[in-house]
Amino acid sequence: MKADPTTAPAPGVAPAPGATAGPGPARALSTAQWTAIDTVLLDLDGTLLDLAFDNRFWRECVPAAWAQARALAFDEAREQLAPRFRACEGTLDWYCIDYWSRELQLDIAALKHAEAHRIRWLPGAREFLSRVRTLGKRLVLLTNAHPTALAIKDARTQVISCFDATFSSHLFGAPKEQARFWRELSRAEAFDAPRSLFVDDSLPVLRAARAAGIGTLYAVRRPDSSLDARSQQEFPAVDAVAELLPGGLLPGGLVPGG
């Protein structure tokens, strides 16, 4: 059966896990659990920023540009691109806009700049970072985003200024899905893995973090605000990172999604 390019994984986006009959969202971390955490490691796209931007970009904007450049129908362009995208899944090239610019003969950075007005925070994410800061935790951003893509998103959101340190997997030559990333991170950032919290929307990435000994792991069930929450049972999961904070720590009665 031919793959549907409208739902196939897209470059720059961690592949979505298959839905399973799992439990509902996990409870907030208790005050005691927060006390046992020194470092908070966070993914960017789908954890802090709305994955709707990336999904739309790779599933609509890039195929449209490819179709225009080659005088193809839009659906034909998506069908041609789908296997090329799939062939790079799980590699650093999957996330590399330089690679896709060469491979597709498109200026991916320019296309991203043109769509940058669509970049958005996920509900409660910015407030979550602010509250974690008041708890005295070290905040570290871990992203597979290419440095150029990260710069475009930072120009729109100033997300990097919320962190004590930021690491792109391109610096380490390996995506977060691979053990090499975590080995290189341990050399670049002094942190106690068992006393660290890591949140990501990708199950392969969370599995790699678990293998690296990260003590507390959470999945994000709704990385794309335009889609329903995913159901999975392998890791504790929340719809939004703000749910990890006890209600008493949320400013002004903030509720995720509000």
Protein backbone atom coordinates (compact mmCIF):
# COMPACT_ATOMS: atom_id res chain seq x y z
CA MET A 1 0.00 0.00 0.00
CA LYS A 2 1.41 3.38 -0.98
CA ALA A 3 2.39 5.67 1.94
CA ASP A 4 0.24 8.74 2.39
CA PRO A 5 2.60 11.74 2.17
CA THR A 6 0.15 13.88 4.12
CA THR A 7 0.75 11.80 7.24
CA ALA A 8 4.26 10.45 6.62
CA PRO A 9 7.00 11.64 9.01
CA ALA A 10 8.55 14.94 7.97
CA PRO A 11 12.19 16.04 8.23
CA GLY A 12 13.04 18.20 11.20
CA VAL A 13 10.22 16.60 13.16
CA ALA A 14 10.77 13.70 15.54
CA PRO A 15 8.61 10.83 14.22
CA ALA A 16 5.39 10.47 16.15
CA PRO A 17 4.95 7.26 18.14
CA GLY A 18 2.11 4.96 17.30
CA ALA A 19 -0.92 5.40 19.51
CA THR A 20 -1.38 2.74 22.19
CA ALA A 21 -3.97 2.10 24.81
CA GLY A 22 -2.10 3.87 27.58
CA PRO A 23 -3.01 5.73 30.75
CA GLY A 24 -4.16 9.32 30.87
CA PRO A 25 -1.85 12.25 31.61
CA ALA A 26 0.50 11.82 34.57
CA ARG A 27 0.17 13.79 37.76
CA ALA A 28 2.32 16.83 38.48
CA LEU A 29 5.67 16.20 40.08
CA SER A 30 5.42 16.54 43.84
CA THR A 31 7.40 19.08 45.82
CA ALA A 32 9.57 16.21 47.10
CA GLN A 33 10.25 15.07 43.54
CA TRP A 34 11.22 18.60 42.50
CA THR A 35 13.59 18.75 45.46
CA ALA A 36 15.40 15.68 44.06
CA ILE A 37 15.93 17.40 40.68
CA ASP A 38 18.92 19.69 40.07
CA THR A 39 18.86 20.02 36.27
CA VAL A 40 15.90 20.34 33.91
CA LEU A 41 16.68 19.20 30.36
CA LEU A 42 14.08 20.20 27.78
CA ASP A 43 13.38 19.54 24.13
CA LEU A 44 12.34 22.51 21.98
CA ASP A 45 9.89 21.61 19.19
CA GLY A 46 6.83 19.81 20.48
CA THR A 47 7.78 20.41 24.11
CA LEU A 48 8.11 24.20 24.35
CA LEU A 49 7.25 25.38 20.85
CA ASP A 50 4.20 24.23 18.92
CA LEU A 51 5.06 21.41 16.51
CA ALA A 52 2.23 22.65 14.28
CA PHE A 53 4.77 25.00 12.70
CA ASP A 54 7.19 22.24 11.69
CA ASN A 55 4.47 19.84 10.60
CA ARG A 56 2.93 22.46 8.36
CA PHE A 57 6.29 23.59 7.02
CA TRP A 58 7.48 20.15 5.90
CA ARG A 59 4.12 18.73 4.86
CA GLU A 60 2.76 21.79 3.05
CA CYS A 61 5.31 24.56 2.47
CA VAL A 62 8.21 22.45 1.23
CA PRO A 63 6.09 20.28 -1.10
CA ALA A 64 4.48 23.46 -2.47
CA ALA A 65 7.90 25.00 -3.19
CA TRP A 66 9.12 21.73 -4.71
CA ALA A 67 6.01 21.53 -6.89
CA GLN A 68 6.42 25.09 -8.10
CA ALA A 69 10.11 24.62 -8.91
CA ARG A 70 9.41 21.47 -10.94
CA ALA A 71 6.01 22.27 -12.44
CA LEU A 72 4.36 19.44 -10.53
CA ALA A 73 0.95 19.10 -8.96
CA PHE A 74 1.07 19.52 -5.18
CA ASP A 75 -0.01 15.93 -4.45
CA GLU A 76 2.55 14.58 -6.91
CA ALA A 77 5.29 16.60 -5.22
CA ARG A 78 4.36 15.22 -1.79
CA GLU A 79 4.32 11.70 -3.15
CA GLN A 80 7.81 12.13 -4.62
CA LEU A 81 9.22 13.68 -1.44
CA ALA A 82 7.82 11.15 1.03
CA PRO A 83 10.34 8.34 0.32
CA ARG A 84 13.23 10.80 0.27
CA PHE A 85 12.22 12.05 3.69
CA ARG A 86 11.69 8.54 5.04
CA ALA A 87 15.16 7.41 3.92
CA CYS A 88 16.79 9.86 6.35
CA GLU A 89 14.60 9.15 9.36
CA GLY A 90 16.62 8.73 12.56
CA THR A 91 19.75 10.42 11.19
CA LEU A 92 21.19 13.89 11.74
CA ASP A 93 20.45 14.72 8.09
CA TRP A 94 16.75 14.35 8.94
CA TYR A 95 17.07 17.56 10.98
CA CYS A 96 19.64 19.36 8.80
CA ILE A 97 18.33 22.22 6.67
CA ASP A 98 21.69 22.45 4.85
CA TYR A 99 21.25 18.85 3.77
CA TRP A 100 17.69 19.40 2.56
CA SER A 101 18.63 22.62 0.78
CA ARG A 102 21.26 20.68 -1.21
CA GLU A 103 19.09 17.60 -1.68
CA LEU A 104 16.00 19.46 -2.86
CA GLN A 105 17.69 22.48 -4.44
CA LEU A 106 15.50 24.74 -2.32
CA ASP A 107 16.48 27.53 0.07
CA ILE A 108 15.02 25.93 3.19
CA ALA A 109 16.26 28.73 5.47
CA ALA A 110 14.55 31.36 3.33
CA LEU A 111 11.33 29.35 3.36
CA LYS A 112 11.50 29.10 7.15
CA HIS A 113 12.07 32.85 7.47
CA ALA A 114 8.99 33.45 5.31
CA GLU A 115 6.89 31.28 7.62
CA ALA A 116 8.42 32.43 10.92
CA HIS A 117 5.31 34.41 11.89
CA ARG A 118 3.64 31.04 12.55
CA ILE A 119 6.11 30.02 15.28
CA ARG A 120 4.30 29.80 18.62
CA TRP A 121 4.90 28.76 22.22
CA LEU A 122 2.88 25.81 23.42
CA PRO A 123 0.32 26.70 26.13
CA GLY A 124 1.96 27.29 29.50
CA ALA A 125 5.51 26.58 28.27
CA ARG A 126 6.98 30.04 28.80
CA GLU A 127 5.40 30.30 32.23
CA PHE A 128 6.76 26.86 33.10
CA LEU A 129 10.30 28.01 32.35
CA SER A 130 9.83 31.07 34.52
CA ARG A 131 8.56 29.03 37.44
CA VAL A 132 11.32 26.44 37.16
CA ARG A 133 13.81 29.28 37.25
CA THR A 134 12.36 30.46 40.58
CA LEU A 135 12.90 26.93 41.94
CA GLY A 136 16.64 27.33 41.42
CA LYS A 137 17.01 24.54 38.84
CA ARG A 138 19.56 24.65 36.04
CA LEU A 139 17.75 24.83 32.71
CA VAL A 140 19.34 23.21 29.66
CA LEU A 141 17.82 23.19 26.17
CA LEU A 142 18.52 20.04 24.13
CA THR A 143 17.35 20.22 20.55
CA ASN A 144 17.78 18.43 17.24
CA ALA A 145 17.03 21.72 15.49
CA HIS A 146 19.71 22.87 13.06
CA PRO A 147 21.49 26.02 14.36
CA THR A 148 19.94 28.13 11.58
CA ALA A 149 16.45 26.86 12.38
CA LEU A 150 17.11 27.44 16.08
CA ALA A 151 18.18 31.02 15.38
CA ILE A 152 14.99 31.67 13.40
CA LYS A 153 12.85 30.34 16.24
CA ASP A 154 14.82 32.22 18.86
CA ALA A 155 14.41 35.49 16.97
CA ARG A 156 10.66 34.97 17.21
CA THR A 157 10.45 33.69 20.81
CA GLN A 158 13.72 34.59 22.62
CA VAL A 159 13.61 31.04 23.98
CA ILE A 160 17.39 30.71 24.38
CA SER A 161 17.46 33.51 26.95
CA CYS A 162 15.30 31.31 29.20
CA PHE A 163 18.11 28.75 29.56
CA ASP A 164 21.47 28.46 31.28
CA ALA A 165 22.83 26.42 28.38
CA THR A 166 21.67 25.37 24.90
CA PHE A 167 22.92 22.43 22.85
CA SER A 168 22.00 21.48 19.30
CA SER A 169 22.67 17.89 18.30
CA HIS A 170 24.49 19.27 15.24
CA LEU A 171 27.25 20.41 17.60
CA PHE A 172 27.78 16.79 18.66
CA GLY A 173 27.39 15.18 15.23
CA ALA A 174 24.57 12.90 16.39
CA PRO A 175 20.83 13.32 17.01
CA LYS A 176 19.31 12.87 20.45
CA GLU A 177 18.08 9.43 19.39
CA GLN A 178 21.67 8.15 19.45
CA ALA A 179 23.88 7.27 22.43
CA ARG A 180 26.69 9.42 21.06
CA PHE A 181 24.64 12.56 21.68
CA TRP A 182 24.33 11.77 25.38
CA ARG A 183 28.01 10.89 25.72
CA GLU A 184 28.99 14.18 24.13
CA LEU A 185 26.49 16.08 26.26
CA SER A 186 27.99 14.63 29.45
CA ARG A 187 31.37 16.01 28.38
CA ALA A 188 30.01 19.45 27.51
CA GLU A 189 27.59 19.91 30.42
CA ALA A 190 28.31 18.97 34.02
CA PHE A 191 25.08 17.46 35.34
CA ASP A 192 24.06 14.57 37.57
CA ALA A 193 21.96 12.31 35.31
CA PRO A 194 20.00 10.60 38.13
CA ARG A 195 19.06 14.04 39.52
CA SER A 196 17.91 15.38 36.15
CA LEU A 197 14.48 15.74 34.55
CA PHE A 198 14.16 15.39 30.77
CA VAL A 199 11.01 16.14 28.77
CA ASP A 200 10.57 15.37 25.06
CA ASP A 201 7.78 14.44 22.66
CA SER A 202 9.78 11.69 20.90
CA LEU A 203 9.79 8.14 22.24
CA PRO A 204 13.08 7.20 20.48
CA VAL A 205 14.73 10.21 22.11
CA LEU A 206 13.29 9.36 25.53
CA ARG A 207 14.53 5.79 25.18
CA ALA A 208 18.04 7.07 24.46
CA ALA A 209 17.83 9.36 27.49
CA ARG A 210 16.73 6.43 29.65
CA ALA A 211 19.69 4.39 28.43
CA ALA A 212 21.94 7.34 29.32
CA GLY A 213 20.70 7.18 32.92
CA ILE A 214 18.52 10.29 33.07
CA GLY A 215 16.58 9.93 36.31
CA THR A 216 13.17 11.43 35.54
CA LEU A 217 11.60 11.22 32.09
CA TYR A 218 8.33 12.61 30.75
CA ALA A 219 6.71 12.52 27.33
CA VAL A 220 4.56 15.30 25.88
CA ARG A 221 1.27 13.94 24.59
CA ARG A 222 0.18 16.99 22.61
CA PRO A 223 3.20 18.47 20.81
CA ASP A 224 1.04 19.86 17.99
CA SER A 225 -1.79 22.04 19.29
CA SER A 226 -3.79 21.44 16.11
CA LEU A 227 -3.96 17.68 16.74
CA ASP A 228 -5.43 15.49 19.47
CA ALA A 229 -3.21 14.25 22.29
CA ARG A 230 -1.29 11.05 21.67
CA SER A 231 -1.81 8.08 23.95
CA GLN A 232 1.23 6.08 25.01
CA GLN A 233 2.16 4.00 28.03
CA GLU A 234 5.95 3.64 27.92
CA PHE A 235 6.72 6.85 29.83
CA PRO A 236 4.83 9.12 32.21
CA ALA A 237 3.20 11.74 30.01
CA VAL A 238 1.62 15.18 30.19
CA ASP A 239 -0.28 17.16 27.60
CA ALA A 240 1.89 20.22 28.36
CA VAL A 241 5.00 20.87 30.44
CA ALA A 242 3.12 23.23 32.77
CA GLU A 243 1.29 20.18 34.14
CA LEU A 244 4.54 19.05 35.77
CA LEU A 245 4.29 21.85 38.31
CA PRO A 246 2.07 21.45 41.36
CA GLY A 247 -0.90 23.81 41.11
CA GLY A 248 0.43 25.97 43.90
CA LEU A 249 3.49 26.80 41.83
CA LEU A 250 1.59 28.00 38.80
CA PRO A 251 1.20 31.78 38.53
CA GLY A 252 -2.26 33.29 38.70
CA GLY A 253 -4.10 29.97 38.54
CA LEU A 254 -2.68 29.25 35.08
CA VAL A 255 -3.99 26.06 33.54
CA PRO A 256 -2.41 24.39 30.51
CA GLY A 257 -4.33 25.20 27.38
CA GLY A 258 -5.59 28.45 28.84
